[in-house]
Each structure stands twice: as C-alpha cells, then as structure tokens.
C-alpha cells in the first residue's frame, strides 16, 4: 500500500514537473511571438510616417536588404515583400514572403522560427539605421537567433559581420550559440563560480 502510494506520488510529481516545463516553454514562445508582432507593428508605423515619395524608396530598400539577408543566411530563394494599402481613411501594412513558385507565405504563421529571427533582426537594424535624428549605431541583442538551426548559424554570423561593416553599426550580442562567435571582434564568456560570476575574454 505504502509503496503504491509512493509510486503514485512520484508519478504525479513527474507529471507536474513536465507540465511546468511545458508551461514555461509556452510562455517563452508566446513572449517571442508577442515581441515579433510588436516589431512588425513598429516597422509598419515607421513606414506610415514616411512621406509618399520617400516611402516607396524606403520600402524598396527594406525589401532588397531583407531578401538579400534571407538568401545570405539560408540560401532560400524567397523575396521579402512589404504591401502597403490605403483606403483613404487608414493605411495597412503587410509583410510577406514570396517563394519561387509565386506563393505568398505569412511570416508569422507559415515560416520557421529561425527565418523569423533573421527577418526581425534585419528589420530592427533598418529601423535604427533610418531613424531621424541619427542615433547611436549600437544595438543590444539578447538571444536574438535562438530559433536558428545549428547548420545556419555560421551564415548568420557572416551576415552579422557584413551588416556591421556595411552600416557602421555595432552589435552587442548575448548568446549561448558558440557558432556566432565567428562574427565577434571581442568575445567574453561569463562563468559562474562559487565566489560569484566572472567574465573571461575569449
């Protein structure tokens, strides 16, 4: 009887632990989706505030740079498209990917997390680069490429370095992905010791 009760308690403890882990992961995924949706809304607002003539040029730059980034990081032949429509009262902005067959893919629903990570990152870069008045060209990134698969990380590192040089921008990145160290001019490893956390230059 006692052994049976212990077994049930252990099983219940395991199920509670597994449920908590799933709940924590769901919360992280939800926060990530909310962050991405917020960024797309911010990009939409930035484009709405730009005058019509400049808007078309800005849209073309955004489309060209993000399309090139997708190809550089993943080798995918997708085109990034910004669709701006106005009915005279309000302006709506949609962000889409178009595959070689001409099929439109919804960024939030139809593509992988790693691709969304890269698109979100480049959108942030472009928003910062186009800000008026000019701001400090430093961007802080916290695990911004967490959904990028291992095989694509070296290419993402190359993309980081390339954008940094071309735009004169500095990226300060916190990451557990060692492959991204290839992009770093300076790298530090944080180590937790009994005396406290220390930073060690790599």
C-alpha atoms as a PDB file:
ATOM      1  CA  UNK A   1       0.000   0.000   0.000  1.00  0.00           C
ATOM      2  CA  UNK A   2       2.731   2.451   1.056  1.00  0.00           C
ATOM      3  CA  UNK A   3       4.888   1.559  -1.965  1.00  0.00           C
ATOM      4  CA  UNK A   4       1.907   2.030  -4.276  1.00  0.00           C
ATOM      5  CA  UNK A   5       1.226   5.433  -2.736  1.00  0.00           C
ATOM      6  CA  UNK A   6       4.879   6.445  -3.128  1.00  0.00           C
ATOM      7  CA  UNK A   7       4.790   5.352  -6.756  1.00  0.00           C
ATOM      8  CA  UNK A   8       1.663   7.445  -7.387  1.00  0.00           C
ATOM      9  CA  UNK A   9       3.247  10.480  -5.693  1.00  0.00           C
ATOM     10  CA  UNK A  10       6.425  10.096  -7.768  1.00  0.00           C
ATOM     11  CA  UNK A  11       4.391   9.772 -10.962  1.00  0.00           C
ATOM     12  CA  UNK A  12       2.324  12.832 -10.043  1.00  0.00           C
ATOM     13  CA  UNK A  13       5.500  14.818  -9.223  1.00  0.00           C
ATOM     14  CA  UNK A  14       6.970  13.879 -12.598  1.00  0.00           C
ATOM     15  CA  UNK A  15       3.762  14.933 -14.415  1.00  0.00           C
ATOM     16  CA  UNK A  16       3.677  18.259 -12.527  1.00  0.00           C
ATOM     17  CA  UNK A  17       7.344  18.870 -13.433  1.00  0.00           C
ATOM     18  CA  UNK A  18       6.718  18.040 -17.099  1.00  0.00           C
ATOM     19  CA  UNK A  19       3.625  20.280 -17.169  1.00  0.00           C
ATOM     20  CA  UNK A  20       5.587  23.136 -15.582  1.00  0.00           C
ATOM     21  CA  UNK A  21       8.346  22.724 -18.170  1.00  0.00           C
ATOM     22  CA  UNK A  22       5.789  22.807 -20.987  1.00  0.00           C
ATOM     23  CA  UNK A  23       4.093  25.845 -19.446  1.00  0.00           C
ATOM     24  CA  UNK A  24       7.439  27.685 -19.152  1.00  0.00           C
ATOM     25  CA  UNK A  25       8.262  26.878 -22.797  1.00  0.00           C
ATOM     26  CA  UNK A  26       4.799  28.044 -23.905  1.00  0.00           C
ATOM     27  CA  UNK A  27       5.290  31.314 -22.025  1.00  0.00           C
ATOM     28  CA  UNK A  28       8.675  31.861 -23.722  1.00  0.00           C
ATOM     29  CA  UNK A  29       7.199  31.045 -27.155  1.00  0.00           C
ATOM     30  CA  UNK A  30       4.257  33.394 -26.514  1.00  0.00           C
ATOM     31  CA  UNK A  31       6.597  36.210 -25.418  1.00  0.00           C
ATOM     32  CA  UNK A  32       8.712  35.618 -28.530  1.00  0.00           C
ATOM     33  CA  UNK A  33       5.602  35.817 -30.774  1.00  0.00           C
ATOM     34  CA  UNK A  34       4.456  38.973 -28.982  1.00  0.00           C
ATOM     35  CA  UNK A  35       7.914  40.554 -29.468  1.00  0.00           C
ATOM     36  CA  UNK A  36       7.888  39.707 -33.185  1.00  0.00           C
ATOM     37  CA  UNK A  37       4.341  41.027 -33.652  1.00  0.00           C
ATOM     38  CA  UNK A  38       5.302  44.214 -31.803  1.00  0.00           C
ATOM     39  CA  UNK A  39       8.336  44.665 -34.066  1.00  0.00           C
ATOM     40  CA  UNK A  40       6.226  44.220 -37.227  1.00  0.00           C
ATOM     41  CA  UNK A  41       3.773  46.803 -35.875  1.00  0.00           C
ATOM     42  CA  UNK A  42       6.666  49.193 -35.153  1.00  0.00           C
ATOM     43  CA  UNK A  43       8.054  48.728 -38.679  1.00  0.00           C
ATOM     44  CA  UNK A  44       4.566  49.349 -40.064  1.00  0.00           C
ATOM     45  CA  UNK A  45       4.238  52.595 -38.064  1.00  0.00           C
ATOM     46  CA  UNK A  46       7.681  53.781 -39.209  1.00  0.00           C
ATOM     47  CA  UNK A  47       6.716  53.248 -42.853  1.00  0.00           C
ATOM     48  CA  UNK A  48       3.360  55.004 -42.379  1.00  0.00           C
ATOM     49  CA  UNK A  49       5.072  58.125 -41.019  1.00  0.00           C
ATOM     50  CA  UNK A  50       7.360  58.486 -44.034  1.00  0.00           C
ATOM     51  CA  UNK A  51       6.168  60.732 -46.880  1.00  0.00           C
ATOM     52  CA  UNK A  52       4.800  59.035 -50.015  1.00  0.00           C
ATOM     53  CA  UNK A  53       7.790  59.634 -52.306  1.00  0.00           C
ATOM     54  CA  UNK A  54      10.349  58.661 -49.692  1.00  0.00           C
ATOM     55  CA  UNK A  55       8.140  55.787 -48.536  1.00  0.00           C
ATOM     56  CA  UNK A  56       8.429  53.925 -51.851  1.00  0.00           C
ATOM     57  CA  UNK A  57      12.214  54.253 -51.817  1.00  0.00           C
ATOM     58  CA  UNK A  58      12.398  53.129 -48.173  1.00  0.00           C
ATOM     59  CA  UNK A  59      10.126  50.140 -48.862  1.00  0.00           C
ATOM     60  CA  UNK A  60      12.340  49.093 -51.796  1.00  0.00           C
ATOM     61  CA  UNK A  61      15.463  49.306 -49.593  1.00  0.00           C
ATOM     62  CA  UNK A  62      13.796  47.249 -46.808  1.00  0.00           C
ATOM     63  CA  UNK A  63      12.637  44.615 -49.320  1.00  0.00           C
ATOM     64  CA  UNK A  64      16.021  44.392 -51.046  1.00  0.00           C
ATOM     65  CA  UNK A  65      18.120  44.203 -47.847  1.00  0.00           C
ATOM     66  CA  UNK A  66      15.890  41.616 -46.116  1.00  0.00           C
ATOM     67  CA  UNK A  67      15.627  39.487 -49.280  1.00  0.00           C
ATOM     68  CA  UNK A  68      19.444  39.528 -49.559  1.00  0.00           C
ATOM     69  CA  UNK A  69      19.791  38.651 -45.846  1.00  0.00           C
ATOM     70  CA  UNK A  70      17.476  35.627 -46.210  1.00  0.00           C
ATOM     71  CA  UNK A  71      19.482  34.380 -49.183  1.00  0.00           C
ATOM     72  CA  UNK A  72      22.807  35.012 -47.439  1.00  0.00           C
ATOM     73  CA  UNK A  73      21.817  33.281 -44.190  1.00  0.00           C
ATOM     74  CA  UNK A  74      19.711  30.387 -45.509  1.00  0.00           C
ATOM     75  CA  UNK A  75      20.181  30.174 -49.274  1.00  0.00           C
ATOM     76  CA  UNK A  76      16.385  30.370 -49.669  1.00  0.00           C
ATOM     77  CA  UNK A  77      15.114  31.985 -52.854  1.00  0.00           C
ATOM     78  CA  UNK A  78      12.352  33.922 -51.063  1.00  0.00           C
ATOM     79  CA  UNK A  79      11.508  37.543 -51.777  1.00  0.00           C
ATOM     80  CA  UNK A  80      10.546  39.748 -48.842  1.00  0.00           C
ATOM     81  CA  UNK A  81       7.590  41.957 -49.809  1.00  0.00           C
ATOM     82  CA  UNK A  82       6.044  44.927 -47.998  1.00  0.00           C
ATOM     83  CA  UNK A  83       2.470  45.533 -49.127  1.00  0.00           C
ATOM     84  CA  UNK A  84       1.097  48.988 -48.172  1.00  0.00           C
ATOM     85  CA  UNK A  85      -2.574  49.719 -48.902  1.00  0.00           C
ATOM     86  CA  UNK A  86      -4.701  52.755 -48.172  1.00  0.00           C
ATOM     87  CA  UNK A  87      -8.478  53.153 -48.437  1.00  0.00           C
ATOM     88  CA  UNK A  88      -8.260  56.910 -47.876  1.00  0.00           C
ATOM     89  CA  UNK A  89      -9.020  56.616 -44.171  1.00  0.00           C
ATOM     90  CA  UNK A  90      -6.361  54.261 -42.924  1.00  0.00           C
ATOM     91  CA  UNK A  91      -3.169  52.637 -44.096  1.00  0.00           C
ATOM     92  CA  UNK A  92      -2.492  48.912 -43.660  1.00  0.00           C
ATOM     93  CA  UNK A  93       0.910  47.291 -43.986  1.00  0.00           C
ATOM     94  CA  UNK A  94       1.536  43.570 -44.537  1.00  0.00           C
ATOM     95  CA  UNK A  95       4.873  41.789 -44.540  1.00  0.00           C
ATOM     96  CA  UNK A  96       5.079  38.694 -46.739  1.00  0.00           C
ATOM     97  CA  UNK A  97       7.481  36.217 -48.241  1.00  0.00           C
ATOM     98  CA  UNK A  98       7.032  35.061 -51.826  1.00  0.00           C
ATOM     99  CA  UNK A  99       8.588  31.727 -52.826  1.00  0.00           C
ATOM    100  CA  UNK A 100       9.922  30.907 -56.338  1.00  0.00           C
ATOM    101  CA  UNK A 101       6.507  29.483 -57.320  1.00  0.00           C
ATOM    102  CA  UNK A 102       4.878  32.840 -56.555  1.00  0.00           C
ATOM    103  CA  UNK A 103       3.095  31.587 -53.430  1.00  0.00           C
ATOM    104  CA  UNK A 104       2.771  34.099 -50.598  1.00  0.00           C
ATOM    105  CA  UNK A 105       3.787  32.982 -47.110  1.00  0.00           C
ATOM    106  CA  UNK A 106       2.594  34.717 -43.967  1.00  0.00           C
ATOM    107  CA  UNK A 107       5.670  35.495 -41.906  1.00  0.00           C
ATOM    108  CA  UNK A 108       4.064  34.861 -38.510  1.00  0.00           C
ATOM    109  CA  UNK A 109       2.252  31.644 -39.473  1.00  0.00           C
ATOM    110  CA  UNK A 110       3.970  29.899 -42.358  1.00  0.00           C
ATOM    111  CA  UNK A 111       7.734  30.018 -41.905  1.00  0.00           C
ATOM    112  CA  UNK A 112      10.261  28.653 -39.426  1.00  0.00           C
ATOM    113  CA  UNK A 113      11.343  30.435 -36.254  1.00  0.00           C
ATOM    114  CA  UNK A 114      14.951  30.847 -37.415  1.00  0.00           C
ATOM    115  CA  UNK A 115      13.843  32.700 -40.535  1.00  0.00           C
ATOM    116  CA  UNK A 116      11.619  34.968 -38.432  1.00  0.00           C
ATOM    117  CA  UNK A 117      14.579  35.640 -36.080  1.00  0.00           C
ATOM    118  CA  UNK A 118      16.700  36.855 -39.002  1.00  0.00           C
ATOM    119  CA  UNK A 119      13.896  38.946 -40.551  1.00  0.00           C
ATOM    120  CA  UNK A 120      13.160  40.536 -37.137  1.00  0.00           C
ATOM    121  CA  UNK A 121      16.839  41.316 -36.607  1.00  0.00           C
ATOM    122  CA  UNK A 122      17.285  42.956 -40.029  1.00  0.00           C
ATOM    123  CA  UNK A 123      14.053  44.947 -39.567  1.00  0.00           C
ATOM    124  CA  UNK A 124      15.427  46.299 -36.265  1.00  0.00           C
ATOM    125  CA  UNK A 125      18.707  47.197 -37.975  1.00  0.00           C
ATOM    126  CA  UNK A 126      16.899  49.050 -40.776  1.00  0.00           C
ATOM    127  CA  UNK A 127      14.614  50.913 -38.362  1.00  0.00           C
ATOM    128  CA  UNK A 128      17.630  52.046 -36.309  1.00  0.00           C
ATOM    129  CA  UNK A 129      19.600  52.993 -39.430  1.00  0.00           C
ATOM    130  CA  UNK A 130      16.698  55.092 -40.793  1.00  0.00           C
ATOM    131  CA  UNK A 131      15.895  56.869 -37.510  1.00  0.00           C
ATOM    132  CA  UNK A 132      15.899  60.677 -37.582  1.00  0.00           C
ATOM    133  CA  UNK A 133      17.710  62.345 -35.906  1.00  0.00           C
ATOM    134  CA  UNK A 134      20.553  59.842 -36.151  1.00  0.00           C
ATOM    135  CA  UNK A 135      21.019  57.787 -33.026  1.00  0.00           C
ATOM    136  CA  UNK A 136      23.996  55.925 -31.675  1.00  0.00           C
ATOM    137  CA  UNK A 137      24.529  52.993 -34.045  1.00  0.00           C
ATOM    138  CA  UNK A 138      24.730  50.352 -31.306  1.00  0.00           C
ATOM    139  CA  UNK A 139      22.218  47.528 -30.989  1.00  0.00           C
ATOM    140  CA  UNK A 140      21.865  45.236 -27.971  1.00  0.00           C
ATOM    141  CA  UNK A 141      20.685  41.716 -28.791  1.00  0.00           C
ATOM    142  CA  UNK A 142      19.666  39.059 -26.244  1.00  0.00           C
ATOM    143  CA  UNK A 143      19.499  35.539 -27.732  1.00  0.00           C
ATOM    144  CA  UNK A 144      18.097  37.086 -30.931  1.00  0.00           C
ATOM    145  CA  UNK A 145      18.863  33.970 -33.003  1.00  0.00           C
ATOM    146  CA  UNK A 146      17.701  31.287 -30.560  1.00  0.00           C
ATOM    147  CA  UNK A 147      15.498  29.566 -33.181  1.00  0.00           C
ATOM    148  CA  UNK A 148      18.193  29.412 -35.888  1.00  0.00           C
ATOM    149  CA  UNK A 149      19.261  25.811 -36.568  1.00  0.00           C
ATOM    150  CA  UNK A 150      22.894  24.845 -35.983  1.00  0.00           C
ATOM    151  CA  UNK A 151      23.673  24.433 -39.706  1.00  0.00           C
ATOM    152  CA  UNK A 152      22.675  28.043 -40.471  1.00  0.00           C
ATOM    153  CA  UNK A 153      24.442  29.773 -37.565  1.00  0.00           C
ATOM    154  CA  UNK A 154      27.825  30.259 -39.317  1.00  0.00           C
ATOM    155  CA  UNK A 155      25.999  32.032 -42.193  1.00  0.00           C
ATOM    156  CA  UNK A 156      24.102  34.197 -39.688  1.00  0.00           C
ATOM    157  CA  UNK A 157      27.457  35.084 -38.100  1.00  0.00           C
ATOM    158  CA  UNK A 158      28.693  36.153 -41.554  1.00  0.00           C
ATOM    159  CA  UNK A 159      25.522  38.228 -42.021  1.00  0.00           C
ATOM    160  CA  UNK A 160      26.108  39.972 -38.669  1.00  0.00           C
ATOM    161  CA  UNK A 161      29.657  40.874 -39.623  1.00  0.00           C
ATOM    162  CA  UNK A 162      28.620  42.008 -43.096  1.00  0.00           C
ATOM    163  CA  UNK A 163      25.832  44.309 -41.831  1.00  0.00           C
ATOM    164  CA  UNK A 164      28.087  45.715 -39.118  1.00  0.00           C
ATOM    165  CA  UNK A 165      30.721  46.718 -41.677  1.00  0.00           C
ATOM    166  CA  UNK A 166      28.326  47.988 -44.351  1.00  0.00           C
ATOM    167  CA  UNK A 167      26.219  50.101 -41.968  1.00  0.00           C
ATOM    168  CA  UNK A 168      28.941  51.106 -39.497  1.00  0.00           C
ATOM    169  CA  UNK A 169      26.845  49.562 -36.731  1.00  0.00           C
ATOM    170  CA  UNK A 170      27.951  47.755 -33.592  1.00  0.00           C
ATOM    171  CA  UNK A 171      26.070  44.722 -32.258  1.00  0.00           C
ATOM    172  CA  UNK A 172      26.396  43.634 -28.624  1.00  0.00           C
ATOM    173  CA  UNK A 173      25.064  40.079 -28.542  1.00  0.00           C
ATOM    174  CA  UNK A 174      24.299  37.841 -25.574  1.00  0.00           C
ATOM    175  CA  UNK A 175      24.141  34.227 -26.757  1.00  0.00           C
ATOM    176  CA  UNK A 176      24.725  30.579 -25.896  1.00  0.00           C
ATOM    177  CA  UNK A 177      25.397  29.787 -29.575  1.00  0.00           C
ATOM    178  CA  UNK A 178      29.168  29.393 -29.942  1.00  0.00           C
ATOM    179  CA  UNK A 179      28.926  29.448 -33.761  1.00  0.00           C
ATOM    180  CA  UNK A 180      28.047  33.162 -33.620  1.00  0.00           C
ATOM    181  CA  UNK A 181      31.439  33.932 -32.037  1.00  0.00           C
ATOM    182  CA  UNK A 182      32.827  33.902 -35.604  1.00  0.00           C
ATOM    183  CA  UNK A 183      31.252  37.348 -36.048  1.00  0.00           C
ATOM    184  CA  UNK A 184      32.784  38.826 -32.890  1.00  0.00           C
ATOM    185  CA  UNK A 185      35.670  41.274 -32.759  1.00  0.00           C
ATOM    186  CA  UNK A 186      35.701  40.823 -28.976  1.00  0.00           C
ATOM    187  CA  UNK A 187      34.034  37.995 -27.031  1.00  0.00           C
ATOM    188  CA  UNK A 188      33.600  37.352 -23.306  1.00  0.00           C
ATOM    189  CA  UNK A 189      32.454  34.207 -21.562  1.00  0.00           C
ATOM    190  CA  UNK A 190      30.504  34.562 -18.312  1.00  0.00           C
ATOM    191  CA  UNK A 191      31.353  31.872 -15.788  1.00  0.00           C
ATOM    192  CA  UNK A 192      29.500  31.211 -12.564  1.00  0.00           C
ATOM    193  CA  UNK A 193      31.897  30.415  -9.744  1.00  0.00           C
ATOM    194  CA  UNK A 194      31.338  29.813  -6.005  1.00  0.00           C
ATOM    195  CA  UNK A 195      32.621  33.374  -5.397  1.00  0.00           C
ATOM    196  CA  UNK A 196      30.323  34.954  -7.999  1.00  0.00           C
ATOM    197  CA  UNK A 197      30.033  35.435 -11.757  1.00  0.00           C
ATOM    198  CA  UNK A 198      33.195  36.395 -13.634  1.00  0.00           C
ATOM    199  CA  UNK A 199      33.853  37.445 -17.231  1.00  0.00           C
ATOM    200  CA  UNK A 200      36.699  35.854 -19.188  1.00  0.00           C
ATOM    201  CA  UNK A 201      37.888  37.205 -22.528  1.00  0.00           C
ATOM    202  CA  UNK A 202      37.970  34.556 -25.259  1.00  0.00           C
END
